[in-house]
Protein backbone atom coordinates (compact mmCIF):
# COMPACT_ATOMS: atom_id res chain seq x y z
CA PHE A 1 17.53 11.33 -57.65
CA GLY A 2 16.54 15.05 -57.33
CA MET A 3 20.03 16.11 -58.04
CA LEU A 4 20.24 13.84 -61.04
CA LEU A 5 17.05 15.41 -62.42
CA TRP A 6 18.55 18.91 -61.83
CA GLU A 7 21.75 17.88 -63.63
CA LEU A 8 19.85 16.59 -66.57
CA VAL A 9 17.49 19.56 -66.81
CA PHE A 10 20.13 22.32 -66.40
CA GLU A 11 22.96 20.36 -68.19
CA LYS A 12 25.40 21.33 -65.43
CA ILE A 13 27.55 19.43 -62.85
CA PRO A 14 26.13 19.99 -59.36
CA TYR A 15 28.29 21.94 -56.96
CA GLU A 16 30.90 22.16 -59.66
CA LYS A 17 34.37 23.27 -58.30
CA TRP A 18 33.24 22.65 -54.73
CA ASN A 19 35.27 20.29 -52.46
CA ILE A 20 33.56 17.53 -50.52
CA MET A 21 33.51 19.42 -47.29
CA GLN A 22 31.83 22.44 -48.84
CA ILE A 23 29.18 20.20 -50.50
CA LYS A 24 28.58 18.40 -47.07
CA GLU A 25 28.18 21.51 -45.02
CA HIS A 26 25.87 23.05 -47.73
CA VAL A 27 23.54 20.00 -47.91
CA LEU A 28 23.48 19.36 -44.12
CA ALA A 29 22.35 22.98 -43.73
CA GLY A 30 19.28 22.14 -45.77
CA ASN A 31 20.56 23.88 -48.99
CA ARG A 32 20.55 22.61 -52.59
CA GLU A 33 21.51 23.86 -55.97
CA LYS A 34 19.67 26.90 -57.45
CA ILE A 35 16.72 26.46 -59.68
CA THR A 36 16.47 29.52 -61.99
CA TRP A 37 15.21 29.85 -65.51
CA GLY A 38 15.81 32.12 -68.52
CA LYS A 39 13.11 33.86 -70.50
CA ALA A 40 10.51 31.58 -72.06
CA SER A 41 7.08 31.46 -73.41
CA PRO A 42 4.06 31.02 -71.03
CA ASP A 43 3.64 27.33 -71.84
CA VAL A 44 7.37 26.65 -71.28
CA GLU A 45 7.21 28.61 -68.00
CA LYS A 46 4.37 26.30 -66.83
CA LEU A 47 6.52 23.32 -67.77
CA GLN A 48 9.45 24.74 -65.92
CA LYS A 49 7.33 25.34 -62.86
CA GLY A 50 6.27 21.73 -62.97
CA LEU A 51 9.76 20.41 -63.32
CA ALA A 52 10.90 22.64 -60.42
CA LYS A 53 8.21 21.29 -58.16
CA ILE A 54 9.30 17.67 -59.03
CA ILE A 55 13.00 18.35 -58.45
CA VAL A 56 12.39 20.09 -55.07
CA SER A 57 10.12 17.35 -53.89
CA ALA A 58 12.78 14.72 -54.84
CA TRP A 59 15.68 16.38 -52.88
CA LYS A 60 13.89 16.95 -49.68
CA GLY A 61 16.25 16.13 -46.71
CA ASP A 62 13.56 14.49 -44.54
CA PRO A 63 12.70 11.02 -46.08
CA ALA A 64 9.14 11.29 -44.66
CA VAL A 65 8.26 14.11 -46.81
CA ARG A 66 10.48 13.33 -49.75
CA ALA A 67 8.71 12.24 -52.98
CA SER A 68 8.74 8.51 -53.69
CA LEU A 69 10.14 7.39 -56.98
CA GLN A 70 6.67 6.26 -57.89
CA ASN A 71 5.31 9.74 -57.34
CA ILE A 72 8.15 11.27 -59.22
CA PHE A 73 7.53 9.08 -62.20
CA ILE A 74 3.77 9.79 -62.03
CA ASN A 75 4.41 13.52 -61.89
CA LEU A 76 6.94 13.37 -64.90
CA ASP A 77 4.49 11.35 -66.83
CA HIS A 78 1.82 13.93 -66.10
CA LEU A 79 4.08 16.80 -67.55
CA VAL A 80 4.62 14.58 -70.67
CA ASP A 81 0.88 13.98 -71.14
CA GLU A 82 0.27 17.73 -70.67
CA TYR A 83 2.96 19.30 -72.78
CA CYS A 84 4.30 16.63 -75.15
CA THR A 85 1.20 16.52 -77.36
CA PRO A 86 1.05 17.31 -81.08
CA ASP A 87 -0.62 20.66 -80.38
CA LYS A 88 2.04 21.75 -77.85
CA GLU A 89 5.19 20.30 -79.38
CA PHE A 90 8.04 22.70 -78.51
CA SER A 91 10.65 22.79 -81.38
CA TYR A 92 14.17 24.19 -80.60
CA GLN A 93 17.04 24.78 -82.82
CA LEU A 94 20.03 22.84 -81.80
CA LEU A 95 22.54 25.37 -80.40
CA PRO A 96 26.33 25.10 -79.83
CA ASP A 97 27.24 24.06 -76.28
CA LYS A 98 27.08 26.83 -73.65
CA GLU A 99 24.96 29.04 -75.98
CA LEU A 100 21.48 28.16 -74.59
CA ASP A 101 20.46 30.48 -71.79
CA LEU A 102 18.60 27.83 -69.91
CA ASP A 103 18.92 29.29 -66.46
CA GLY A 104 18.89 32.95 -67.34
CA SER A 105 22.49 33.49 -66.22
CA PHE A 106 23.52 35.21 -69.44
CA SER A 107 20.85 37.79 -69.23
CA ARG A 108 20.68 38.39 -65.45
CA ALA A 109 21.33 41.97 -64.40
CA VAL A 110 24.38 42.76 -62.30
CA SER A 111 23.27 43.25 -58.71
CA ILE A 112 24.57 45.94 -56.27
CA SER A 113 26.40 43.34 -54.46
CA ASP A 114 28.35 42.25 -57.53
CA GLU A 115 29.81 45.85 -57.69
CA GLY A 116 31.06 46.14 -54.15
CA GLY A 117 27.85 46.70 -52.17
CA LEU A 118 26.03 49.88 -51.11
CA ASP A 119 26.53 51.84 -47.89
CA LEU A 120 23.53 52.41 -45.71
CA PRO A 121 22.74 56.18 -45.51
CA ASP A 122 22.59 58.11 -42.20
CA MET A 123 19.21 57.89 -40.69
CA ASP A 124 17.83 59.89 -37.83
CA MET A 125 15.58 57.14 -36.35
CA ASP A 126 14.76 56.30 -32.86
CA PHE A 127 13.22 52.79 -32.44
CA ASN A 128 13.67 49.72 -30.33
CA ILE A 129 14.11 46.54 -32.40
CA ASN A 130 12.48 44.58 -29.58
CA GLU A 131 9.20 46.53 -30.20
CA ILE A 132 8.95 44.98 -33.60
CA PRO A 133 6.71 41.96 -33.59
CA GLN A 134 8.52 38.85 -34.30
CA ILE A 135 6.86 36.46 -36.87
CA ILE A 136 7.77 32.78 -36.49
CA THR A 137 8.40 30.93 -39.59
CA LEU A 138 5.53 29.10 -41.52
CA GLU A 139 7.01 25.73 -40.69
CA GLU A 140 6.97 26.65 -36.94
CA GLY A 141 3.35 27.71 -37.27
CA ILE A 142 2.45 24.31 -38.79
CA ALA A 143 4.39 22.59 -36.05
CA ALA A 144 2.34 24.66 -33.48
CA HIS A 145 -0.84 23.51 -35.20
CA LYS A 146 0.24 19.89 -34.86
CA LYS A 147 0.86 20.56 -31.17
CA ASN A 148 -2.63 22.10 -30.77
CA GLU A 149 -1.14 25.40 -30.07
CA HIS A 150 -3.88 27.00 -32.11
CA THR A 151 -3.57 30.72 -31.07
CA LYS A 152 0.12 30.65 -31.80
CA ALA A 153 -0.37 28.93 -35.11
CA TYR A 154 -3.21 31.20 -36.27
CA ARG A 155 -1.21 34.35 -35.64
CA CYS A 156 1.63 32.82 -37.73
CA PHE A 157 -0.66 31.94 -40.51
CA SER A 158 -2.36 35.46 -40.47
CA ALA A 159 0.99 37.17 -40.47
CA HIS A 160 2.37 35.15 -43.52
CA ALA A 161 -1.02 35.43 -45.27
CA GLU A 162 -0.64 39.23 -45.04
CA LEU A 163 2.71 38.83 -46.64
CA ASN A 164 0.96 37.03 -49.58
CA ASN A 165 2.16 33.53 -48.82
CA ALA A 166 -0.06 31.10 -50.64
CA THR A 167 0.34 28.22 -48.06
CA ALA A 168 -0.36 30.46 -45.15
CA LYS A 169 -3.59 31.74 -46.85
CA TYR A 170 -4.65 28.15 -47.05
CA TRP A 171 -3.97 27.43 -43.39
CA LYS A 172 -5.68 30.76 -42.27
CA GLY A 173 -8.65 29.76 -44.47
CA TYR A 174 -8.80 26.41 -42.87
CA TYR A 175 -8.80 27.92 -39.33
CA LEU A 176 -11.55 30.35 -40.24
CA TRP A 177 -13.56 27.52 -42.04
CA GLU A 178 -13.40 25.22 -38.92
CA GLY A 179 -13.50 28.01 -36.34
CA ILE A 180 -10.30 26.76 -34.76
CA GLY A 181 -9.37 29.31 -32.06
CA VAL A 182 -11.19 31.95 -33.92
CA GLU A 183 -14.88 32.80 -34.88
CA LYS A 184 -15.99 30.89 -38.05
CA ASP A 185 -16.05 33.01 -41.17
CA ARG A 186 -16.65 30.74 -44.06
CA LYS A 187 -17.10 33.53 -46.59
CA GLN A 188 -13.60 34.88 -45.90
CA ALA A 189 -12.27 31.31 -45.72
CA CYS A 190 -13.70 30.60 -49.17
CA GLU A 191 -11.90 33.74 -50.46
CA LEU A 192 -8.52 32.70 -49.03
CA PHE A 193 -9.02 29.13 -50.27
CA LYS A 194 -9.41 30.66 -53.77
CA GLU A 195 -6.38 32.97 -53.66
CA SER A 196 -4.30 30.01 -52.45
CA ALA A 197 -5.79 27.72 -55.07
CA ASP A 198 -4.95 30.13 -57.79
CA ASP A 199 -1.31 29.93 -56.67
CA GLU A 200 -1.45 26.19 -57.28
CA ILE A 201 -1.75 24.92 -53.72
CA ALA A 202 -3.47 21.51 -54.33
CA ASP A 203 -5.03 21.32 -50.91
CA ALA A 204 -6.55 24.77 -51.33
CA GLN A 205 -7.87 23.83 -54.71
CA LEU A 206 -9.71 20.94 -53.17
CA ARG A 207 -10.82 23.00 -50.15
CA TYR A 208 -12.16 25.73 -52.50
CA ALA A 209 -14.03 23.34 -54.51
CA PHE A 210 -15.72 21.74 -51.48
CA SER A 211 -16.34 25.26 -50.01
CA LEU A 212 -18.75 25.87 -52.86
CA VAL A 213 -21.01 23.02 -51.74
CA ASN A 214 -23.59 23.68 -49.15
CA ASN A 215 -22.10 27.00 -48.13
CA PRO A 216 -25.01 29.59 -48.08
CA PRO A 217 -22.71 32.75 -48.25
CA VAL A 218 -21.44 31.26 -51.71
CA LYS A 219 -23.42 30.44 -54.77
CA PHE A 220 -22.75 26.86 -55.98
CA ASP A 221 -21.44 26.79 -59.49
CA PRO A 222 -20.87 23.25 -60.88
CA ASP A 223 -18.49 24.41 -63.54
CA ILE A 224 -16.20 26.25 -61.05
CA PHE A 225 -16.34 23.27 -58.65
CA LEU A 226 -15.34 20.91 -61.43
CA LYS A 227 -12.63 23.30 -62.49
CA TYR A 228 -10.89 23.38 -59.05
CA ILE A 229 -11.31 19.79 -58.06
CA THR A 230 -9.79 18.96 -61.39
CA LYS A 231 -6.83 21.28 -60.73
CA ALA A 232 -6.45 19.67 -57.28
CA ALA A 233 -6.44 16.18 -58.85
CA ASP A 234 -4.06 17.04 -61.51
CA ASN A 235 -1.82 18.40 -58.78
CA LYS A 236 -1.71 14.98 -57.25
CA ASN A 237 -4.20 15.49 -54.35
CA PRO A 238 -5.48 11.94 -53.73
CA THR A 239 -8.80 13.01 -52.24
CA ALA A 240 -9.57 15.16 -55.26
CA GLN A 241 -8.48 12.34 -57.51
CA PHE A 242 -10.84 9.90 -55.82
CA ASN A 243 -13.81 12.39 -55.71
CA LEU A 244 -13.25 13.41 -59.41
CA GLY A 245 -13.14 9.58 -60.33
CA GLU A 246 -16.41 9.13 -58.55
CA ILE A 247 -17.93 12.06 -60.46
CA TYR A 248 -16.99 10.79 -63.92
CA LEU A 249 -17.60 7.04 -63.10
CA HIS A 250 -21.15 7.54 -61.90
CA GLY A 251 -22.04 10.60 -64.01
CA LYS A 252 -22.40 13.07 -61.09
CA LEU A 253 -22.97 16.66 -62.24
CA GLY A 254 -23.97 15.25 -65.59
CA LYS A 255 -20.31 14.39 -66.38
CA LYS A 256 -20.38 10.59 -67.29
CA ASP A 257 -17.02 9.26 -68.47
CA GLU A 258 -16.24 5.87 -67.09
CA LYS A 259 -12.76 5.74 -68.69
CA LEU A 260 -11.84 9.12 -67.16
CA GLY A 261 -13.35 8.10 -63.82
CA LYS A 262 -11.27 4.91 -63.67
CA LYS A 263 -8.22 6.87 -64.52
CA TYR A 264 -8.57 9.16 -61.61
CA LEU A 265 -9.41 6.41 -59.22
CA ARG A 266 -6.40 4.62 -60.24
CA LEU A 267 -4.27 7.72 -59.80
CA ALA A 268 -5.78 8.05 -56.28
CA ALA A 269 -5.10 4.44 -55.46
CA LEU A 270 -1.54 4.81 -56.47
CA ASN A 271 -1.35 7.67 -53.98
CA ASN A 272 -2.67 5.22 -51.35
CA GLN A 273 -6.13 6.67 -51.12
CA PRO A 274 -8.11 3.87 -49.36
CA LYS A 275 -11.55 4.63 -50.79
CA ALA A 276 -10.20 4.50 -54.27
CA LYS A 277 -8.51 1.14 -53.70
CA GLU A 278 -11.84 -0.15 -52.43
CA ALA A 279 -13.71 1.24 -55.36
CA LEU A 280 -11.25 -0.31 -57.85
CA GLN A 281 -11.44 -3.59 -56.03
CA LYS A 282 -15.25 -3.52 -56.41
CA LEU A 283 -14.85 -2.94 -60.03
CA GLY A 284 -12.36 -5.83 -60.55
CA ILE A 285 -9.56 -3.61 -61.56
CA ASP A 286 -5.90 -4.17 -60.45
CA VAL A 287 -4.37 -0.84 -59.64
CA TYR A 288 -1.14 -1.70 -61.37
CA THR A 289 -2.91 -2.79 -64.66
CA ASP A 290 -3.42 -0.24 -67.37
CA ILE A 291 -7.05 0.65 -67.87
């Protein structure tokens, strides 16, 4: 289904002119089609980023992490709600076939490799490549965390965080927050959560919001708390959706809106959040019935 979305979005035939063996080897190696965009306005760029996330989540090779059809449809519906509104209608002139630079291929600069490559200049350097610290991949770091190899995992997260990887910043922040294999530093953890949150990592958005509560080094600001927990909820984090639903349903932080509260509880329940299912059951609401 992910490839079908890609085909519809880019109006291209996937792996065009490839034979079946080329496609098989490419896909089994964990590769897929490229997702690139042409120049666009900021609003369209946000829409493109949202579509890219959905496509990538839909074509994951591992069924355990691949998005379900239900989640894909929920995410697509969210994009429609956000961008297909009267104040954000995008009107485009109908152009002849092959004229729309959707993927940016018409304007992409010619690379050095396109012109025959570039020779490496002579260098008078004496170094041993074995002396260069080896950084394991972020995926290996997360696997180490799951095996309770915390020192190995933390070194990985720290190294990738230094390289400005948003997911690694989240994980490093988590280790510093909980004091897993390192001394607790909740102030630095809070800063890392925010940096990661601002790069649209939903778990970090939730953690950053929660890090503002009962955290003496950081002053609690209800508006910032609500901003980031809403970001996390809108990025499909079930825990954020449940907590935001509770906030609106019960008027916490002075934000009473029962309709909005039920909406977020329903979204959380659709994402299999048990407390949200229980809350809706107490309210006598069927999760699959429109509110």
